[in-house]
Amino acid sequence: MGFRYQKAQFAVNNSAWTPISVAYRISSWAIKSSSSTAFYIRTNQTDSTTQDTVAGSNQEVCSADQLVFAANEVLFYVQSTAANDTLILSYLLA
């Protein structure tokens, strides 16, 4: 596989919650918009109390020493505030 630091792109829109996952065990992640468009992030796609808004110029990050996300585990759900956008996920393999 090569490097432990990886990137992936996800196409998102403003009409559906897109689940974000990767096929590997990872220890941390960061996500940002490829444009200046803000996006919503939720840990539960049906529960609005888990929602936050990430400004287009910012990124959301999760990292911890003992934290490992399982391969194919849904990390969170995202939705664009505009019609369409591409989000960039950076992550470290565990």
Protein backbone atom coordinates (compact mmCIF):
# COMPACT_ATOMS: atom_id res chain seq x y z
CA MET A 1 0.00 0.00 0.00
CA GLY A 2 2.92 2.37 0.52
CA PHE A 3 2.54 5.47 2.65
CA ARG A 4 0.60 5.61 5.92
CA TYR A 5 -0.74 9.09 5.04
CA GLN A 6 -3.56 8.80 2.51
CA LYS A 7 -6.15 11.04 0.83
CA ALA A 8 -9.55 10.34 -0.72
CA GLN A 9 -12.18 12.51 -2.40
CA PHE A 10 -15.94 12.25 -1.92
CA ALA A 11 -18.60 13.89 -4.10
CA VAL A 12 -21.41 15.34 -1.95
CA ASN A 13 -24.60 17.30 -2.54
CA ASN A 14 -27.20 19.15 -0.48
CA SER A 15 -29.99 16.58 -0.79
CA ALA A 16 -28.52 13.45 0.80
CA TRP A 17 -26.25 12.51 3.69
CA THR A 18 -23.11 10.83 2.35
CA PRO A 19 -21.45 8.22 4.61
CA ILE A 20 -17.68 8.60 4.85
CA SER A 21 -15.57 5.48 5.38
CA VAL A 22 -12.28 4.02 4.21
CA ALA A 23 -11.29 0.42 3.49
CA TYR A 24 -8.46 0.42 6.04
CA ARG A 25 -7.99 0.71 9.80
CA ILE A 26 -7.10 4.33 10.52
CA SER A 27 -5.90 6.23 13.56
CA SER A 28 -6.89 9.79 12.62
CA TRP A 29 -8.65 11.79 9.95
CA ALA A 30 -9.26 15.33 8.72
CA ILE A 31 -11.86 16.49 6.21
CA LYS A 32 -12.25 19.73 4.29
CA SER A 33 -14.04 21.15 1.26
CA SER A 34 -12.13 21.39 -2.01
CA SER A 35 -13.83 24.78 -2.50
CA SER A 36 -14.89 27.60 -0.20
CA THR A 37 -18.26 25.92 0.39
CA ALA A 38 -19.30 25.04 3.93
CA PHE A 39 -20.59 21.55 4.70
CA TYR A 40 -22.54 19.80 7.44
CA ILE A 41 -21.15 16.86 9.38
CA ARG A 42 -23.11 14.40 11.56
CA THR A 43 -22.22 11.32 13.53
CA ASN A 44 -25.79 10.03 13.09
CA GLN A 45 -27.47 10.84 9.78
CA THR A 46 -30.98 10.83 11.28
CA ASP A 47 -30.18 12.87 14.42
CA SER A 48 -29.81 16.62 13.89
CA THR A 49 -28.43 17.04 17.42
CA THR A 50 -25.17 15.42 16.21
CA GLN A 51 -24.75 18.00 13.43
CA ASP A 52 -22.08 20.67 13.10
CA THR A 53 -21.23 23.09 10.30
CA VAL A 54 -17.69 23.27 8.95
CA ALA A 55 -16.88 26.55 7.20
CA GLY A 56 -15.47 26.22 3.69
CA SER A 57 -12.04 27.47 4.75
CA ASN A 58 -11.85 25.16 7.80
CA GLN A 59 -11.39 21.45 8.39
CA GLU A 60 -12.71 18.97 10.93
CA VAL A 61 -10.06 16.77 12.58
CA CYS A 62 -10.17 13.69 14.82
CA SER A 63 -6.99 12.27 16.30
CA ALA A 64 -6.13 10.38 19.49
CA ASP A 65 -3.28 8.17 20.68
CA GLN A 66 -5.35 5.07 21.41
CA LEU A 67 -8.13 5.59 18.85
CA VAL A 68 -8.49 3.23 15.90
CA PHE A 69 -11.36 3.21 13.43
CA ALA A 70 -12.16 -0.18 11.90
CA ALA A 71 -11.87 -0.80 8.18
CA ASN A 72 -15.10 0.17 6.39
CA GLU A 73 -16.51 1.75 9.56
CA VAL A 74 -18.66 4.81 8.85
CA LEU A 75 -16.74 7.68 10.42
CA PHE A 76 -19.49 10.27 9.94
CA TYR A 77 -21.99 11.61 7.40
CA VAL A 78 -21.62 14.80 5.36
CA GLN A 79 -23.86 17.04 3.29
CA SER A 80 -22.95 20.11 1.24
CA THR A 81 -24.53 23.50 1.87
CA ALA A 82 -24.38 24.09 -1.91
CA ALA A 83 -25.69 21.99 -4.77
CA ASN A 84 -22.52 19.92 -5.27
CA ASP A 85 -19.04 19.85 -3.78
CA THR A 86 -16.04 17.58 -3.34
CA LEU A 87 -14.71 16.87 0.13
CA ILE A 88 -11.14 15.78 0.72
CA LEU A 89 -10.45 13.26 3.48
CA SER A 90 -6.88 12.88 4.78
CA TYR A 91 -6.14 9.97 7.09
CA LEU A 92 -3.37 7.94 8.74
CA LEU A 93 -3.37 4.18 8.48
CA ALA A 94 -3.26 2.42 11.85
